[in-house]
């Protein structure tokens, strides 16, 4: 919310809320009559002058929206999307201060800009929303990484894996699904179109990307997901080989049984 004191530099607040589920903008658009919708966001104005940005990757970002209105907005979204989980996953807060004589820079978790425009607010909101969504995926990938380590550790200690491959198939499917979601969400890390019209936005975007460490976090997620997939494929190959050995052993036993049975049966 902008500062009220005379002579004080205006300060803007951004609050991000990330959900487990994605948010279908096509379905939500008609439910917000005053909103404007693009391919990547739904922009809802507030009577207080603030804005809510809704993103398809399951994030809402409030720009200069009072706490009560934020709570009401989340409650309304839950009523419109009953499948949302009962609790939010991630919450982030960020502040932007206007200083006409300052170039865009981040210091002590505050972004300082010479002026705030709707286009600049949209870029800040999108970046914070991506950071919140990325933190959610980081938690999921860390959990999957731990489960993969357990499978690999068992393979290392026992030299074998569980006979049933169905859980492995489901786990691999989940890993691929998470990877596809991460790619679909974080491809938005490409520079926003607004950066071409306002050099200041380009600078703001670079400052925020460095502040939230988006590029390194994305590369880390990609590396871990690739490691998980490769490890699971190895475990699955071992499981398949084990099943093939058992199948071949069963065939040999059947042949031996048939030979022995024919021998004792006689001519």
Protein backbone atom coordinates (compact mmCIF):
# COMPACT_ATOMS: atom_id res chain seq x y z
CA UNK A 1 0.00 0.00 0.00
CA UNK A 2 1.34 3.42 -0.86
CA UNK A 3 2.80 5.50 1.95
CA UNK A 4 0.49 8.20 3.29
CA UNK A 5 2.97 10.49 5.07
CA UNK A 6 3.65 13.77 3.32
CA UNK A 7 6.98 13.73 1.56
CA UNK A 8 7.49 10.00 2.07
CA UNK A 9 8.44 7.88 -0.92
CA UNK A 10 5.47 5.79 -2.10
CA UNK A 11 5.85 2.15 -1.14
CA UNK A 12 3.93 -0.65 -2.84
CA UNK A 13 3.36 -4.15 -1.48
CA UNK A 14 3.04 -7.40 -3.38
CA UNK A 15 1.66 -10.54 -1.70
CA UNK A 16 1.86 -13.86 -3.54
CA UNK A 17 -0.21 -16.93 -2.69
CA UNK A 18 0.52 -20.23 -4.45
CA UNK A 19 -1.86 -23.20 -4.55
CA UNK A 20 -1.21 -26.85 -5.28
CA UNK A 21 -3.61 -26.86 -8.21
CA UNK A 22 -3.40 -24.90 -11.45
CA UNK A 23 -5.94 -22.15 -12.07
CA UNK A 24 -7.85 -22.32 -15.39
CA UNK A 25 -8.07 -18.72 -16.58
CA UNK A 26 -10.60 -19.60 -19.27
CA UNK A 27 -13.03 -20.80 -16.60
CA UNK A 28 -12.29 -18.04 -14.11
CA UNK A 29 -12.45 -15.16 -16.59
CA UNK A 30 -16.28 -15.00 -16.89
CA UNK A 31 -16.59 -15.16 -13.09
CA UNK A 32 -14.72 -11.85 -12.73
CA UNK A 33 -16.75 -9.38 -14.84
CA UNK A 34 -14.35 -6.47 -14.26
CA UNK A 35 -11.21 -8.48 -15.01
CA UNK A 36 -9.06 -8.37 -18.12
CA UNK A 37 -7.61 -11.66 -19.33
CA UNK A 38 -4.58 -12.46 -21.43
CA UNK A 39 -2.99 -15.79 -22.28
CA UNK A 40 -0.83 -15.77 -19.16
CA UNK A 41 -2.79 -13.83 -16.54
CA UNK A 42 -6.11 -12.58 -15.22
CA UNK A 43 -6.00 -9.01 -13.91
CA UNK A 44 -8.74 -8.11 -11.40
CA UNK A 45 -9.10 -4.48 -10.22
CA UNK A 46 -10.13 -3.62 -6.65
CA UNK A 47 -12.26 -0.71 -5.51
CA UNK A 48 -9.40 0.28 -3.21
CA UNK A 49 -7.23 0.86 -6.27
CA UNK A 50 -5.14 -2.31 -6.01
CA UNK A 51 -4.95 -5.21 -8.43
CA UNK A 52 -5.01 -8.98 -8.20
CA UNK A 53 -3.05 -10.99 -10.76
CA UNK A 54 -4.15 -14.60 -11.24
CA UNK A 55 -1.79 -16.97 -13.07
CA UNK A 56 -2.56 -20.37 -14.58
CA UNK A 57 0.29 -22.02 -12.67
CA UNK A 58 -1.68 -21.70 -9.43
CA UNK A 59 -0.54 -18.33 -8.09
CA UNK A 60 -2.34 -15.15 -7.08
CA UNK A 61 -0.40 -11.93 -6.54
CA UNK A 62 -1.98 -8.94 -4.81
CA UNK A 63 -0.67 -5.48 -5.66
CA UNK A 64 -1.50 -2.81 -3.07
CA UNK A 65 -4.50 -4.79 -1.81
CA UNK A 66 -5.44 -4.51 1.91
CA UNK A 67 -5.26 -7.66 4.03
CA UNK A 68 -9.03 -8.01 4.39
CA UNK A 69 -9.58 -7.79 0.65
CA UNK A 70 -6.83 -10.34 0.09
CA UNK A 71 -8.55 -12.78 2.43
CA UNK A 72 -11.89 -12.14 0.73
CA UNK A 73 -10.31 -12.72 -2.69
CA UNK A 74 -8.82 -16.06 -1.63
CA UNK A 75 -12.14 -17.10 -0.08
CA UNK A 76 -13.98 -16.18 -3.26
CA UNK A 77 -11.51 -18.09 -5.39
CA UNK A 78 -12.03 -21.17 -3.23
CA UNK A 79 -15.77 -20.87 -3.69
CA UNK A 80 -15.28 -20.64 -7.46
CA UNK A 81 -12.80 -23.52 -7.49
CA UNK A 82 -13.99 -26.08 -4.89
CA UNK A 83 -11.19 -28.48 -5.85
CA UNK A 84 -8.54 -26.20 -4.36
CA UNK A 85 -6.80 -27.66 -1.34
CA UNK A 86 -7.87 -26.41 2.06
CA UNK A 87 -4.57 -24.68 2.74
CA UNK A 88 -2.27 -22.60 0.61
CA UNK A 89 1.20 -23.89 -0.04
CA UNK A 90 3.40 -20.82 -0.32
CA UNK A 91 3.10 -17.17 0.65
CA UNK A 92 5.58 -14.47 -0.33
CA UNK A 93 5.71 -10.74 0.28
CA UNK A 94 7.76 -8.12 -1.51
CA UNK A 95 7.97 -4.34 -1.41
CA UNK A 96 8.68 -1.75 -4.09
CA UNK A 97 9.65 1.82 -3.25
CA UNK A 98 9.43 4.74 -5.64
CA UNK A 99 12.34 7.19 -5.76
CA UNK A 100 12.39 9.52 -8.78
CA UNK A 101 16.17 9.87 -8.62
CA UNK A 102 16.99 6.16 -8.35
CA UNK A 103 17.74 3.54 -10.95
CA UNK A 104 16.06 0.15 -10.46
CA UNK A 105 17.89 -1.80 -7.75
CA UNK A 106 17.16 -4.31 -5.01
CA UNK A 107 18.57 -3.75 -1.54
CA UNK A 108 17.46 -5.34 1.75
CA UNK A 109 14.61 -7.18 0.02
CA UNK A 110 13.13 -3.94 -1.34
CA UNK A 111 13.06 -2.97 -5.01
CA UNK A 112 13.56 0.73 -5.65
CA UNK A 113 12.36 2.22 -8.93
CA UNK A 114 12.08 5.76 -10.24
CA UNK A 115 8.35 5.34 -10.90
CA UNK A 116 5.73 2.62 -10.86
CA UNK A 117 3.50 1.96 -13.85
CA UNK A 118 0.87 -0.74 -14.49
CA UNK A 119 3.26 -2.49 -16.86
CA UNK A 120 6.03 -2.48 -14.27
CA UNK A 121 3.64 -3.72 -11.59
CA UNK A 122 2.64 -6.58 -13.88
CA UNK A 123 6.27 -7.66 -14.35
CA UNK A 124 6.95 -7.50 -10.60
CA UNK A 125 3.78 -9.50 -9.85
CA UNK A 126 4.59 -12.15 -12.46
CA UNK A 127 8.13 -12.62 -11.13
CA UNK A 128 6.97 -12.95 -7.52
CA UNK A 129 4.25 -15.38 -8.59
CA UNK A 130 6.81 -17.49 -10.44
CA UNK A 131 9.08 -17.51 -7.39
CA UNK A 132 6.23 -18.72 -5.17
CA UNK A 133 5.25 -21.42 -7.67
CA UNK A 134 8.87 -22.48 -8.03
CA UNK A 135 9.21 -22.91 -4.28
CA UNK A 136 6.23 -25.26 -4.35
CA UNK A 137 7.83 -27.34 -7.11
CA UNK A 138 11.14 -27.34 -5.26
CA UNK A 139 9.43 -28.98 -2.29
CA UNK A 140 7.84 -31.63 -4.50
CA UNK A 141 11.09 -32.39 -6.31
CA UNK A 142 13.00 -32.65 -3.02
CA UNK A 143 10.44 -35.19 -1.79
CA UNK A 144 10.71 -37.18 -5.02
CA UNK A 145 14.49 -36.98 -4.82
CA UNK A 146 14.36 -38.52 -1.35
CA UNK A 147 12.10 -41.36 -2.50
CA UNK A 148 14.40 -42.05 -5.43
CA UNK A 149 17.40 -42.21 -3.09
CA UNK A 150 15.62 -44.87 -1.05
CA UNK A 151 15.06 -47.03 -4.14
CA UNK A 152 18.65 -46.62 -5.28
CA UNK A 153 19.93 -47.36 -1.77
CA UNK A 154 17.92 -50.58 -1.67
CA UNK A 155 19.31 -51.54 -5.07
CA UNK A 156 22.83 -50.85 -3.81
CA UNK A 157 22.41 -52.82 -0.57
CA UNK A 158 20.34 -55.78 -1.79
CA UNK A 159 21.17 -55.82 -5.47
CA UNK A 160 17.50 -56.06 -6.29
CA UNK A 161 14.26 -54.10 -6.36
CA UNK A 162 10.62 -54.91 -5.52
CA UNK A 163 9.12 -57.53 -7.85
CA UNK A 164 6.10 -55.43 -8.74
CA UNK A 165 6.86 -52.66 -11.25
CA UNK A 166 3.50 -50.94 -10.95
CA UNK A 167 4.62 -48.56 -8.15
CA UNK A 168 7.70 -47.72 -10.21
CA UNK A 169 5.57 -46.97 -13.25
CA UNK A 170 3.37 -44.68 -11.18
CA UNK A 171 6.38 -42.95 -9.66
CA UNK A 172 7.97 -42.41 -13.07
CA UNK A 173 4.66 -41.06 -14.35
CA UNK A 174 4.53 -38.62 -11.44
CA UNK A 175 8.11 -37.49 -12.09
CA UNK A 176 7.37 -36.88 -15.77
CA UNK A 177 4.17 -35.05 -14.86
CA UNK A 178 6.01 -32.74 -12.45
CA UNK A 179 8.73 -32.11 -15.03
CA UNK A 180 6.15 -31.18 -17.66
CA UNK A 181 4.42 -28.84 -15.20
CA UNK A 182 7.70 -27.16 -14.31
CA UNK A 183 8.52 -26.64 -17.98
CA UNK A 184 5.05 -25.30 -18.77
CA UNK A 185 5.17 -22.87 -15.84
CA UNK A 186 8.71 -21.68 -15.98
CA UNK A 187 8.96 -21.14 -19.72
CA UNK A 188 7.49 -17.77 -18.71
CA UNK A 189 10.96 -16.93 -17.44
CA UNK A 190 11.53 -15.61 -20.93
CA UNK A 191 11.62 -11.84 -20.96
CA UNK A 192 8.15 -10.27 -20.82
CA UNK A 193 7.07 -8.34 -23.90
CA UNK A 194 6.87 -5.17 -21.81
CA UNK A 195 10.66 -5.03 -21.60
CA UNK A 196 10.83 -4.02 -25.25
CA UNK A 197 8.73 -0.90 -24.69
CA UNK A 198 10.28 0.31 -21.44
CA UNK A 199 14.05 -0.05 -20.81
CA UNK A 200 13.34 0.45 -17.10
CA UNK A 201 11.22 -2.72 -17.08
CA UNK A 202 14.12 -4.63 -18.57
CA UNK A 203 16.34 -3.45 -15.71
CA UNK A 204 13.64 -4.21 -13.13
CA UNK A 205 13.20 -7.70 -14.55
CA UNK A 206 16.93 -8.42 -14.38
CA UNK A 207 17.11 -7.15 -10.79
CA UNK A 208 14.16 -9.31 -9.71
CA UNK A 209 15.41 -12.39 -11.49
CA UNK A 210 18.73 -12.04 -9.68
CA UNK A 211 17.02 -11.32 -6.34
CA UNK A 212 14.84 -14.43 -6.52
CA UNK A 213 17.61 -16.48 -8.16
CA UNK A 214 15.11 -17.77 -10.70
CA UNK A 215 17.56 -18.96 -13.34
CA UNK A 216 19.74 -21.03 -10.98
CA UNK A 217 16.70 -22.46 -9.21
CA UNK A 218 15.17 -23.46 -12.52
CA UNK A 219 18.39 -25.14 -13.66
CA UNK A 220 18.63 -26.95 -10.32
CA UNK A 221 15.08 -28.24 -10.71
CA UNK A 222 15.82 -29.40 -14.25
CA UNK A 223 18.97 -31.22 -13.10
CA UNK A 224 17.22 -32.95 -10.19
CA UNK A 225 14.26 -33.99 -12.33
CA UNK A 226 16.60 -35.39 -14.96
CA UNK A 227 18.54 -37.29 -12.27
CA UNK A 228 15.30 -38.66 -10.83
CA UNK A 229 14.10 -39.82 -14.23
CA UNK A 230 17.42 -41.49 -15.10
CA UNK A 231 17.60 -43.24 -11.70
CA UNK A 232 14.03 -44.48 -11.99
CA UNK A 233 14.64 -45.78 -15.50
CA UNK A 234 17.66 -47.71 -14.18
CA UNK A 235 15.64 -49.18 -11.32
CA UNK A 236 12.85 -50.10 -13.72
CA UNK A 237 15.32 -51.84 -16.05
CA UNK A 238 16.64 -53.89 -13.11
CA UNK A 239 13.08 -54.80 -12.14
CA UNK A 240 12.28 -55.86 -15.71
CA UNK A 241 15.47 -57.94 -15.92
CA UNK A 242 14.53 -59.65 -12.69
CA UNK A 243 11.08 -60.48 -14.03
CA UNK A 244 12.62 -61.80 -17.25
CA UNK A 245 15.02 -64.02 -15.28
CA UNK A 246 12.14 -65.38 -13.23
CA UNK A 247 10.10 -65.96 -16.39
CA UNK A 248 12.97 -67.76 -18.10
CA UNK A 249 13.53 -69.85 -14.96
CA UNK A 250 9.86 -70.79 -14.91
CA UNK A 251 10.03 -71.85 -18.58
CA UNK A 252 13.12 -73.99 -17.93
CA UNK A 253 11.41 -75.63 -14.95
CA UNK A 254 8.34 -76.37 -17.04
CA UNK A 255 10.49 -77.96 -19.75
CA UNK A 256 12.33 -80.06 -17.16
CA UNK A 257 9.03 -81.08 -15.59
CA UNK A 258 7.70 -82.12 -18.98
CA UNK A 259 10.84 -84.17 -19.69
CA UNK A 260 10.73 -85.88 -16.31
CA UNK A 261 6.99 -86.53 -16.65
CA UNK A 262 7.49 -88.02 -20.11
CA UNK A 263 10.36 -90.21 -18.80
CA UNK A 264 8.33 -91.66 -15.96
CA UNK A 265 5.24 -92.06 -18.09
CA UNK A 266 7.17 -94.28 -20.45
CA UNK A 267 6.37 -95.14 -24.05
